[in-house]
Amino acid sequence: MQSGGSDHTGQRVSFKFGAVVSCVLTLLFWTSVSSAQTPHLVIQGISFSPASVSPGGSVVVSWTVKNQGSGTASASTTVVRITSSSSSAAGTNLAQVSTGSLAAGQSVTQSATVTAPSTAGTYYVWVIADNYSTSGQTSAAAGNDITLAPGTLTVSGGSGGAAVALSAPRSVTAVRRERT
């Protein structure tokens, strides 16, 4: 179907009605998609205690999960890891904490007690929101779910997996003395 009109200079302009409807519908679709309410979980206020512990000792980690998005976050799982890297949270989940549904702007404070590594050294504590991607976040929002706690965890004392050097004489000579 052809239609027409005039542009701002008075020149006659023709266009296809179907093409205009298609453009309008596309614009309406993208406007509704971009304004959809989505959750965005972030970890805030991580702390741990003690900062120095014996190998295999207990460490209490606390944090807040906040939904700073515009939509409600479905229930998810937050995990805690301790690694030897300050740039990677790759490792084993030492604790898994259930995080209930969070409305936009809502937050919840959580904590877990984890076991320190069995080898002496300097370690880093990580808290990861929505570890199994169940909250309904977009991939862009999920990109900042991994948060490093400030400070380091020092594991020292005990054997800590450190080698212990023992020395002994190379040979032993037995001497028998008689009583006089």
N, C-alpha and C. Protein backbone atom coordinates (compact mmCIF):
# COMPACT_ATOMS: atom_id res chain seq x y z
N MET A 1 0.85 -1.16 0.00
CA MET A 1 0.00 0.00 0.00
C MET A 1 0.90 1.23 0.00
N GLN A 2 0.70 2.11 -0.91
CA GLN A 2 1.49 3.33 -1.04
C GLN A 2 0.75 4.48 -0.38
N SER A 3 1.51 5.35 0.21
CA SER A 3 0.92 6.55 0.78
C SER A 3 1.89 7.69 0.54
N GLY A 4 1.51 8.88 0.82
CA GLY A 4 2.41 10.00 0.58
C GLY A 4 2.07 11.18 1.43
N GLY A 5 2.88 12.19 1.27
CA GLY A 5 2.72 13.42 2.02
C GLY A 5 3.78 14.39 1.57
N SER A 6 3.98 15.43 2.33
CA SER A 6 4.98 16.42 2.00
C SER A 6 6.00 16.50 3.11
N ASP A 7 7.27 16.75 2.74
CA ASP A 7 8.28 16.97 3.76
C ASP A 7 8.27 18.44 4.16
N HIS A 8 9.20 18.86 4.99
CA HIS A 8 9.20 20.23 5.50
C HIS A 8 9.46 21.30 4.43
N THR A 9 9.92 20.89 3.23
CA THR A 9 10.15 21.86 2.14
C THR A 9 8.99 21.93 1.17
N GLY A 10 7.98 21.09 1.40
CA GLY A 10 6.84 21.07 0.50
C GLY A 10 6.98 20.06 -0.62
N GLN A 11 8.09 19.35 -0.68
CA GLN A 11 8.30 18.32 -1.70
C GLN A 11 7.41 17.12 -1.39
N ARG A 12 6.88 16.52 -2.42
CA ARG A 12 6.03 15.34 -2.28
C ARG A 12 6.91 14.13 -1.94
N VAL A 13 6.50 13.37 -0.92
CA VAL A 13 7.25 12.19 -0.47
C VAL A 13 6.30 11.01 -0.50
N SER A 14 6.76 9.88 -1.03
CA SER A 14 5.93 8.69 -0.99
C SER A 14 6.64 7.61 -0.17
N PHE A 15 5.88 6.74 0.46
CA PHE A 15 6.44 5.65 1.25
C PHE A 15 5.44 4.51 1.28
N LYS A 16 5.93 3.35 1.67
CA LYS A 16 5.06 2.18 1.79
C LYS A 16 4.55 2.11 3.22
N PHE A 17 3.26 1.99 3.37
CA PHE A 17 2.62 1.97 4.68
C PHE A 17 3.13 0.80 5.53
N GLY A 18 3.30 -0.36 4.94
CA GLY A 18 3.76 -1.55 5.67
C GLY A 18 5.13 -1.35 6.28
N ALA A 19 6.02 -0.67 5.57
CA ALA A 19 7.37 -0.42 6.09
C ALA A 19 7.31 0.49 7.31
N VAL A 20 6.44 1.47 7.30
CA VAL A 20 6.31 2.38 8.44
C VAL A 20 5.78 1.62 9.65
N VAL A 21 4.77 0.79 9.46
CA VAL A 21 4.21 0.00 10.56
C VAL A 21 5.28 -0.91 11.13
N SER A 22 6.07 -1.53 10.27
CA SER A 22 7.14 -2.42 10.72
C SER A 22 8.15 -1.67 11.57
N CYS A 23 8.55 -0.48 11.16
CA CYS A 23 9.51 0.33 11.93
C CYS A 23 8.94 0.72 13.29
N VAL A 24 7.67 1.11 13.31
CA VAL A 24 7.03 1.50 14.57
C VAL A 24 6.96 0.32 15.52
N LEU A 25 6.56 -0.85 15.02
CA LEU A 25 6.48 -2.03 15.87
C LEU A 25 7.84 -2.43 16.41
N THR A 26 8.87 -2.35 15.56
CA THR A 26 10.23 -2.67 16.01
C THR A 26 10.66 -1.72 17.11
N LEU A 27 10.41 -0.44 16.94
CA LEU A 27 10.75 0.55 17.95
C LEU A 27 10.02 0.27 19.26
N LEU A 28 8.74 -0.06 19.20
CA LEU A 28 7.97 -0.38 20.41
C LEU A 28 8.52 -1.61 21.10
N PHE A 29 8.90 -2.64 20.32
CA PHE A 29 9.45 -3.87 20.89
C PHE A 29 10.75 -3.57 21.63
N TRP A 30 11.68 -2.87 21.01
CA TRP A 30 12.98 -2.59 21.64
C TRP A 30 12.82 -1.67 22.83
N THR A 31 11.87 -0.78 22.81
CA THR A 31 11.62 0.09 23.95
C THR A 31 11.14 -0.74 25.13
N SER A 32 10.25 -1.70 24.90
CA SER A 32 9.75 -2.51 26.00
C SER A 32 10.82 -3.47 26.52
N VAL A 33 11.68 -3.99 25.65
CA VAL A 33 12.75 -4.89 26.09
C VAL A 33 13.76 -4.12 26.93
N SER A 34 14.15 -2.94 26.48
CA SER A 34 15.17 -2.19 27.20
C SER A 34 14.67 -1.64 28.52
N SER A 35 13.37 -1.50 28.69
CA SER A 35 12.86 -0.98 29.95
C SER A 35 12.40 -2.10 30.88
N ALA A 36 12.66 -3.36 30.53
CA ALA A 36 12.27 -4.48 31.39
C ALA A 36 13.01 -4.38 32.71
N GLN A 37 12.35 -4.73 33.77
CA GLN A 37 12.96 -4.66 35.09
C GLN A 37 13.76 -5.93 35.35
N THR A 38 15.05 -5.76 35.62
CA THR A 38 15.93 -6.90 35.87
C THR A 38 16.69 -6.70 37.16
N PRO A 39 17.01 -7.80 37.85
CA PRO A 39 17.80 -7.71 39.08
C PRO A 39 19.29 -7.51 38.76
N HIS A 40 20.02 -7.04 39.74
CA HIS A 40 21.46 -6.87 39.62
C HIS A 40 22.05 -7.03 41.02
N LEU A 41 22.57 -8.23 41.32
CA LEU A 41 23.11 -8.51 42.65
C LEU A 41 24.57 -8.05 42.76
N VAL A 42 24.91 -7.48 43.90
CA VAL A 42 26.29 -7.10 44.19
C VAL A 42 26.61 -7.51 45.63
N ILE A 43 27.89 -7.79 45.86
CA ILE A 43 28.37 -8.11 47.20
C ILE A 43 28.98 -6.84 47.79
N GLN A 44 28.63 -6.54 49.04
CA GLN A 44 29.15 -5.34 49.71
C GLN A 44 29.64 -5.70 51.11
N GLY A 45 30.56 -4.90 51.63
CA GLY A 45 30.96 -4.99 53.04
C GLY A 45 31.52 -6.32 53.48
N ILE A 46 32.38 -6.93 52.67
CA ILE A 46 32.96 -8.22 53.08
C ILE A 46 33.97 -7.99 54.20
N SER A 47 33.90 -8.84 55.21
CA SER A 47 34.90 -8.84 56.27
C SER A 47 35.14 -10.28 56.69
N PHE A 48 36.31 -10.52 57.28
CA PHE A 48 36.59 -11.86 57.80
C PHE A 48 37.43 -11.73 59.06
N SER A 49 37.31 -12.76 59.91
CA SER A 49 38.01 -12.75 61.18
C SER A 49 38.29 -14.19 61.60
N PRO A 50 39.45 -14.48 62.12
CA PRO A 50 40.59 -13.59 62.32
C PRO A 50 41.35 -13.37 61.00
N ALA A 51 42.26 -12.40 61.00
CA ALA A 51 43.07 -12.14 59.80
C ALA A 51 44.29 -13.04 59.77
N SER A 52 44.61 -13.65 60.90
CA SER A 52 45.72 -14.59 60.98
C SER A 52 45.24 -15.83 61.72
N VAL A 53 45.51 -16.99 61.16
CA VAL A 53 44.97 -18.23 61.71
C VAL A 53 45.95 -19.37 61.50
N SER A 54 45.85 -20.40 62.31
CA SER A 54 46.67 -21.60 62.14
C SER A 54 46.13 -22.42 60.97
N PRO A 55 46.98 -23.25 60.37
CA PRO A 55 46.50 -24.10 59.27
C PRO A 55 45.28 -24.92 59.70
N GLY A 56 44.24 -24.91 58.87
CA GLY A 56 43.02 -25.66 59.17
C GLY A 56 42.13 -25.00 60.20
N GLY A 57 42.46 -23.78 60.62
CA GLY A 57 41.66 -23.06 61.61
C GLY A 57 40.37 -22.52 61.00
N SER A 58 39.51 -22.01 61.85
CA SER A 58 38.21 -21.48 61.41
C SER A 58 38.31 -19.98 61.12
N VAL A 59 37.63 -19.57 60.04
CA VAL A 59 37.56 -18.17 59.64
C VAL A 59 36.08 -17.83 59.42
N VAL A 60 35.61 -16.76 60.06
CA VAL A 60 34.23 -16.31 59.87
C VAL A 60 34.24 -15.20 58.83
N VAL A 61 33.44 -15.40 57.77
CA VAL A 61 33.35 -14.43 56.67
C VAL A 61 31.93 -13.86 56.68
N SER A 62 31.82 -12.52 56.62
CA SER A 62 30.52 -11.85 56.60
C SER A 62 30.44 -10.92 55.40
N TRP A 63 29.22 -10.70 54.87
CA TRP A 63 29.02 -9.84 53.71
C TRP A 63 27.55 -9.48 53.59
N THR A 64 27.26 -8.56 52.68
CA THR A 64 25.88 -8.18 52.36
C THR A 64 25.66 -8.40 50.87
N VAL A 65 24.53 -9.04 50.53
CA VAL A 65 24.11 -9.17 49.13
C VAL A 65 23.02 -8.12 48.91
N LYS A 66 23.23 -7.26 47.91
CA LYS A 66 22.23 -6.22 47.60
C LYS A 66 21.76 -6.37 46.17
N ASN A 67 20.46 -6.19 45.97
CA ASN A 67 19.89 -6.15 44.63
C ASN A 67 19.79 -4.68 44.23
N GLN A 68 20.76 -4.22 43.45
CA GLN A 68 20.74 -2.82 43.02
C GLN A 68 20.05 -2.66 41.66
N GLY A 69 19.39 -3.72 41.20
CA GLY A 69 18.65 -3.67 39.94
C GLY A 69 17.26 -3.11 40.13
N SER A 70 16.49 -3.14 39.04
CA SER A 70 15.13 -2.59 39.07
C SER A 70 14.06 -3.67 39.19
N GLY A 71 14.47 -4.95 39.14
CA GLY A 71 13.52 -6.05 39.24
C GLY A 71 13.86 -6.96 40.40
N THR A 72 12.96 -7.86 40.73
CA THR A 72 13.17 -8.81 41.83
C THR A 72 14.10 -9.93 41.40
N ALA A 73 15.08 -10.23 42.26
CA ALA A 73 16.02 -11.34 42.01
C ALA A 73 15.42 -12.62 42.59
N SER A 74 15.43 -13.68 41.80
CA SER A 74 14.99 -14.98 42.29
C SER A 74 16.02 -15.50 43.29
N ALA A 75 15.64 -16.52 44.06
CA ALA A 75 16.54 -17.13 45.03
C ALA A 75 17.82 -17.59 44.33
N SER A 76 18.94 -17.48 45.04
CA SER A 76 20.23 -17.85 44.47
C SER A 76 21.13 -18.41 45.56
N THR A 77 22.36 -18.72 45.21
CA THR A 77 23.35 -19.24 46.15
C THR A 77 24.59 -18.37 46.11
N THR A 78 25.05 -17.95 47.29
CA THR A 78 26.28 -17.18 47.43
C THR A 78 27.34 -18.12 47.98
N VAL A 79 28.56 -18.06 47.43
CA VAL A 79 29.62 -18.96 47.88
C VAL A 79 30.84 -18.18 48.36
N VAL A 80 31.65 -18.86 49.19
CA VAL A 80 32.89 -18.30 49.71
C VAL A 80 34.04 -19.19 49.26
N ARG A 81 35.11 -18.55 48.80
CA ARG A 81 36.32 -19.27 48.41
C ARG A 81 37.53 -18.57 49.03
N ILE A 82 38.56 -19.34 49.33
CA ILE A 82 39.85 -18.79 49.75
C ILE A 82 40.88 -19.30 48.75
N THR A 83 41.61 -18.35 48.14
CA THR A 83 42.59 -18.72 47.12
C THR A 83 43.94 -18.06 47.42
N SER A 84 44.96 -18.51 46.73
CA SER A 84 46.29 -17.89 46.86
C SER A 84 46.47 -16.77 45.85
N SER A 85 45.43 -16.45 45.09
CA SER A 85 45.52 -15.43 44.04
C SER A 85 44.66 -14.21 44.38
N SER A 86 45.23 -13.03 44.16
CA SER A 86 44.45 -11.80 44.36
C SER A 86 43.74 -11.39 43.06
N SER A 87 43.93 -12.16 42.00
CA SER A 87 43.32 -11.80 40.72
C SER A 87 42.37 -12.86 40.17
N SER A 88 42.23 -13.98 40.86
CA SER A 88 41.33 -15.03 40.38
C SER A 88 40.65 -15.72 41.56
N ALA A 89 39.34 -15.88 41.44
CA ALA A 89 38.57 -16.56 42.48
C ALA A 89 38.41 -18.04 42.18
N ALA A 90 39.10 -18.53 41.15
CA ALA A 90 38.99 -19.95 40.79
C ALA A 90 39.40 -20.81 41.98
N GLY A 91 38.57 -21.78 42.29
CA GLY A 91 38.88 -22.65 43.41
C GLY A 91 37.65 -23.41 43.88
N THR A 92 37.76 -23.94 45.07
CA THR A 92 36.71 -24.77 45.66
C THR A 92 35.78 -23.91 46.50
N ASN A 93 34.49 -24.19 46.42
CA ASN A 93 33.51 -23.51 47.27
C ASN A 93 33.66 -24.06 48.69
N LEU A 94 34.03 -23.19 49.64
CA LEU A 94 34.19 -23.62 51.02
C LEU A 94 32.90 -23.49 51.80
N ALA A 95 32.01 -22.63 51.33
CA ALA A 95 30.69 -22.47 51.95
C ALA A 95 29.70 -22.08 50.87
N GLN A 96 28.47 -22.55 51.02
CA GLN A 96 27.37 -22.19 50.13
C GLN A 96 26.22 -21.71 50.99
N VAL A 97 25.77 -20.47 50.74
CA VAL A 97 24.72 -19.87 51.55
C VAL A 97 23.53 -19.55 50.65
N SER A 98 22.35 -20.01 51.03
CA SER A 98 21.14 -19.72 50.25
C SER A 98 20.75 -18.26 50.44
N THR A 99 20.47 -17.61 49.32
CA THR A 99 20.02 -16.22 49.34
C THR A 99 18.59 -16.22 48.80
N GLY A 100 17.66 -15.80 49.61
CA GLY A 100 16.26 -15.78 49.19
C GLY A 100 16.03 -14.72 48.12
N SER A 101 14.82 -14.67 47.63
CA SER A 101 14.42 -13.67 46.64
C SER A 101 14.61 -12.28 47.22
N LEU A 102 15.18 -11.36 46.41
CA LEU A 102 15.41 -9.99 46.87
C LEU A 102 14.71 -9.00 45.92
N ALA A 103 13.84 -8.17 46.47
CA ALA A 103 13.18 -7.13 45.68
C ALA A 103 14.21 -6.06 45.32
N ALA A 104 13.90 -5.25 44.34
CA ALA A 104 14.78 -4.15 43.94
C ALA A 104 15.10 -3.29 45.15
N GLY A 105 16.41 -3.01 45.36
CA GLY A 105 16.85 -2.19 46.48
C GLY A 105 17.00 -2.92 47.79
N GLN A 106 16.55 -4.16 47.87
CA GLN A 106 16.62 -4.92 49.11
C GLN A 106 18.00 -5.56 49.27
N SER A 107 18.42 -5.77 50.53
CA SER A 107 19.70 -6.44 50.79
C SER A 107 19.55 -7.39 51.97
N VAL A 108 20.50 -8.30 52.09
CA VAL A 108 20.51 -9.25 53.19
C VAL A 108 21.96 -9.47 53.62
N THR A 109 22.19 -9.48 54.94
CA THR A 109 23.52 -9.73 55.48
C THR A 109 23.65 -11.22 55.76
N GLN A 110 24.80 -11.78 55.37
CA GLN A 110 25.02 -13.21 55.51
C GLN A 110 26.41 -13.45 56.10
N SER A 111 26.64 -14.67 56.58
CA SER A 111 27.96 -15.06 57.05
C SER A 111 28.12 -16.56 56.97
N ALA A 112 29.38 -17.00 57.00
CA ALA A 112 29.69 -18.43 56.97
C ALA A 112 31.02 -18.64 57.68
N THR A 113 31.16 -19.77 58.31
CA THR A 113 32.43 -20.16 58.90
C THR A 113 33.08 -21.17 57.97
N VAL A 114 34.32 -20.87 57.56
CA VAL A 114 35.04 -21.74 56.63
C VAL A 114 36.35 -22.19 57.26
N THR A 115 36.94 -23.20 56.67
CA THR A 115 38.21 -23.74 57.15
C THR A 115 39.36 -23.16 56.35
N ALA A 116 40.35 -22.62 57.05
CA ALA A 116 41.54 -22.05 56.40
C ALA A 116 42.35 -23.15 55.72
N PRO A 117 43.14 -22.80 54.71
CA PRO A 117 43.99 -23.79 54.06
C PRO A 117 44.93 -24.47 55.06
N SER A 118 45.38 -25.66 54.72
CA SER A 118 46.24 -26.43 55.62
C SER A 118 47.73 -26.11 55.42
N THR A 119 48.04 -25.27 54.47
CA THR A 119 49.43 -24.89 54.20
C THR A 119 49.63 -23.42 54.57
N ALA A 120 50.71 -23.13 55.27
CA ALA A 120 51.01 -21.75 55.66
C ALA A 120 51.18 -20.89 54.41
N GLY A 121 50.77 -19.62 54.51
CA GLY A 121 50.93 -18.70 53.38
C GLY A 121 49.96 -17.54 53.48
N THR A 122 49.95 -16.71 52.44
CA THR A 122 49.05 -15.56 52.35
C THR A 122 47.93 -15.91 51.39
N TYR A 123 46.70 -15.66 51.81
CA TYR A 123 45.53 -16.05 51.03
C TYR A 123 44.56 -14.88 50.89
N TYR A 124 43.61 -15.05 49.95
CA TYR A 124 42.61 -14.04 49.64
C TYR A 124 41.22 -14.65 49.76
N VAL A 125 40.30 -13.87 50.32
CA VAL A 125 38.92 -14.34 50.55
C VAL A 125 38.02 -13.73 49.48
N TRP A 126 37.25 -14.57 48.82
CA TRP A 126 36.33 -14.16 47.75
C TRP A 126 34.91 -14.53 48.12
N VAL A 127 33.95 -13.68 47.79
CA VAL A 127 32.53 -13.99 47.94
C VAL A 127 31.88 -13.81 46.57
N ILE A 128 31.11 -14.81 46.16
CA ILE A 128 30.52 -14.83 44.82
C ILE A 128 29.00 -14.94 44.94
N ALA A 129 28.30 -13.92 44.45
CA ALA A 129 26.83 -13.92 44.45
C ALA A 129 26.32 -14.74 43.27
N ASP A 130 25.15 -15.32 43.42
CA ASP A 130 24.46 -16.02 42.33
C ASP A 130 25.38 -17.00 41.60
N ASN A 131 26.05 -17.84 42.36
CA ASN A 131 27.05 -18.76 41.80
C ASN A 131 26.49 -19.67 40.71
N TYR A 132 25.23 -20.03 40.79
CA TYR A 132 24.64 -20.95 39.81
C TYR A 132 23.72 -20.25 38.80
N SER A 133 23.80 -18.92 38.74
CA SER A 133 23.05 -18.10 37.76
C SER A 133 21.54 -18.37 37.79
N THR A 134 20.96 -18.31 38.98
CA THR A 134 19.52 -18.56 39.12
C THR A 134 18.71 -17.31 39.46
N SER A 135 19.36 -16.16 39.66
CA SER A 135 18.66 -14.96 40.14
C SER A 135 17.89 -14.22 39.05
N GLY A 136 18.19 -14.48 37.78
CA GLY A 136 17.51 -13.79 36.69
C GLY A 136 18.26 -12.56 36.20
N GLN A 137 19.51 -12.39 36.63
CA GLN A 137 20.30 -11.26 36.17
C GLN A 137 20.66 -11.41 34.69
N THR A 138 20.94 -10.28 34.04
CA THR A 138 21.48 -10.34 32.69
C THR A 138 22.95 -10.72 32.80
N SER A 139 23.55 -11.15 31.70
CA SER A 139 24.97 -11.52 31.75
C SER A 139 25.83 -10.30 32.07
N ALA A 140 25.41 -9.12 31.66
CA ALA A 140 26.17 -7.91 31.98
C ALA A 140 26.13 -7.65 33.48
N ALA A 141 24.99 -7.82 34.11
CA ALA A 141 24.87 -7.61 35.56
C ALA A 141 25.63 -8.67 36.33
N ALA A 142 25.64 -9.89 35.83
CA ALA A 142 26.33 -10.99 36.51
C ALA A 142 27.85 -10.84 36.45
N GLY A 143 28.33 -9.96 35.61
CA GLY A 143 29.77 -9.79 35.44
C GLY A 143 30.49 -9.28 36.68
N ASN A 144 29.78 -8.71 37.63
CA ASN A 144 30.45 -8.20 38.84
C ASN A 144 30.01 -8.94 40.10
N ASP A 145 29.62 -10.18 39.97
CA ASP A 145 29.18 -10.97 41.12
C ASP A 145 30.33 -11.47 41.98
N ILE A 146 31.54 -11.45 41.47
CA ILE A 146 32.71 -11.98 42.18
C ILE A 146 33.43 -10.82 42.86
N THR A 147 33.53 -10.88 44.19
CA THR A 147 34.11 -9.76 44.93
C THR A 147 35.21 -10.25 45.87
N LEU A 148 36.34 -9.56 45.83
CA LEU A 148 37.50 -9.84 46.68
C LEU A 148 37.38 -9.05 47.98
N ALA A 149 37.55 -9.72 49.10
CA ALA A 149 37.52 -9.04 50.40
C ALA A 149 38.77 -8.17 50.55
N PRO A 150 38.65 -7.05 51.24
CA PRO A 150 39.85 -6.26 51.49
C PRO A 150 40.77 -6.99 52.47
N GLY A 151 42.08 -6.83 52.29
CA GLY A 151 43.05 -7.45 53.18
C GLY A 151 43.42 -8.86 52.77
N THR A 152 44.30 -9.46 53.53
CA THR A 152 44.75 -10.83 53.27
C THR A 152 44.56 -11.69 54.51
N LEU A 153 44.45 -12.97 54.28
CA LEU A 153 44.36 -13.96 55.35
C LEU A 153 45.74 -14.61 55.47
N THR A 154 46.33 -14.54 56.65
CA THR A 154 47.64 -15.14 56.87
C THR A 154 47.45 -16.45 57.61
N VAL A 155 47.96 -17.52 57.01
CA VAL A 155 47.92 -18.83 57.65
C VAL A 155 49.36 -19.13 58.09
N SER A 156 49.55 -19.27 59.40
CA SER A 156 50.90 -19.52 59.92
C SER A 156 50.84 -20.33 61.19
N GLY A 157 52.00 -20.84 61.58
CA GLY A 157 52.08 -21.64 62.79
C GLY A 157 51.81 -23.10 62.50
N GLY A 158 51.90 -23.93 63.52
CA GLY A 158 51.69 -25.37 63.32
C GLY A 158 52.66 -25.91 62.30
N SER A 159 52.42 -27.09 61.80
CA SER A 159 53.31 -27.63 60.77
C SER A 159 53.04 -26.94 59.45
N GLY A 160 51.79 -26.60 59.19
CA GLY A 160 51.43 -25.86 58.00
C GLY A 160 51.96 -26.45 56.72
N GLY A 161 52.30 -27.70 56.76
CA GLY A 161 52.82 -28.34 55.56
C GLY A 161 54.28 -28.02 55.30
N ALA A 162 54.91 -27.25 56.20
CA ALA A 162 56.31 -26.89 56.00
C ALA A 162 57.19 -28.09 56.34
N ALA A 163 58.29 -28.19 55.65
CA ALA A 163 59.23 -29.28 55.90
C ALA A 163 59.94 -29.03 57.21
N VAL A 164 60.14 -30.07 57.96
CA VAL A 164 60.87 -29.98 59.23
C VAL A 164 62.17 -30.74 59.05
N ALA A 165 63.30 -30.06 59.31
CA ALA A 165 64.61 -30.69 59.14
C ALA A 165 65.07 -31.27 60.47
N LEU A 166 65.46 -32.49 60.44
CA LEU A 166 66.01 -33.15 61.61
C LEU A 166 67.43 -33.57 61.28
N SER A 167 68.31 -33.49 62.25
CA SER A 167 69.67 -33.96 61.99
C SER A 167 70.01 -35.03 63.00
N ALA A 168 70.83 -35.95 62.57
CA ALA A 168 71.26 -37.05 63.42
C ALA A 168 72.70 -37.38 63.03
N PRO A 169 73.45 -37.94 63.97
CA PRO A 169 74.82 -38.31 63.61
C PRO A 169 74.81 -39.37 62.52
N ARG A 170 75.86 -39.38 61.71
CA ARG A 170 75.94 -40.35 60.62
C ARG A 170 76.10 -41.78 61.13
N SER A 171 76.82 -41.94 62.20
CA SER A 171 76.97 -43.29 62.75
C SER A 171 77.00 -43.20 64.26
N VAL A 172 76.69 -44.29 64.87
CA VAL A 172 76.68 -44.36 66.32
C VAL A 172 77.61 -45.48 66.73
N THR A 173 78.49 -45.21 67.66
CA THR A 173 79.40 -46.23 68.16
C THR A 173 79.00 -46.56 69.59
N ALA A 174 78.80 -47.81 69.83
CA ALA A 174 78.42 -48.24 71.19
C ALA A 174 79.68 -48.61 71.94
N VAL A 175 79.81 -48.12 73.12
CA VAL A 175 80.96 -48.44 73.96
C VAL A 175 80.43 -49.08 75.22
N ARG A 176 81.03 -50.22 75.54
CA ARG A 176 80.59 -50.92 76.73
C ARG A 176 81.65 -50.72 77.78
N ARG A 177 81.22 -50.28 78.91
CA ARG A 177 82.15 -50.08 80.01
C ARG A 177 81.74 -51.01 81.13
N GLU A 178 82.73 -51.55 81.72
CA GLU A 178 82.46 -52.42 82.84
C GLU A 178 82.62 -51.63 84.12
N ARG A 179 81.89 -52.04 85.11
CA ARG A 179 81.96 -51.38 86.40
C ARG A 179 83.14 -51.91 87.17
N THR A 180 83.73 -51.05 87.82
CA THR A 180 84.85 -51.51 88.65
C THR A 180 84.58 -51.34 90.10
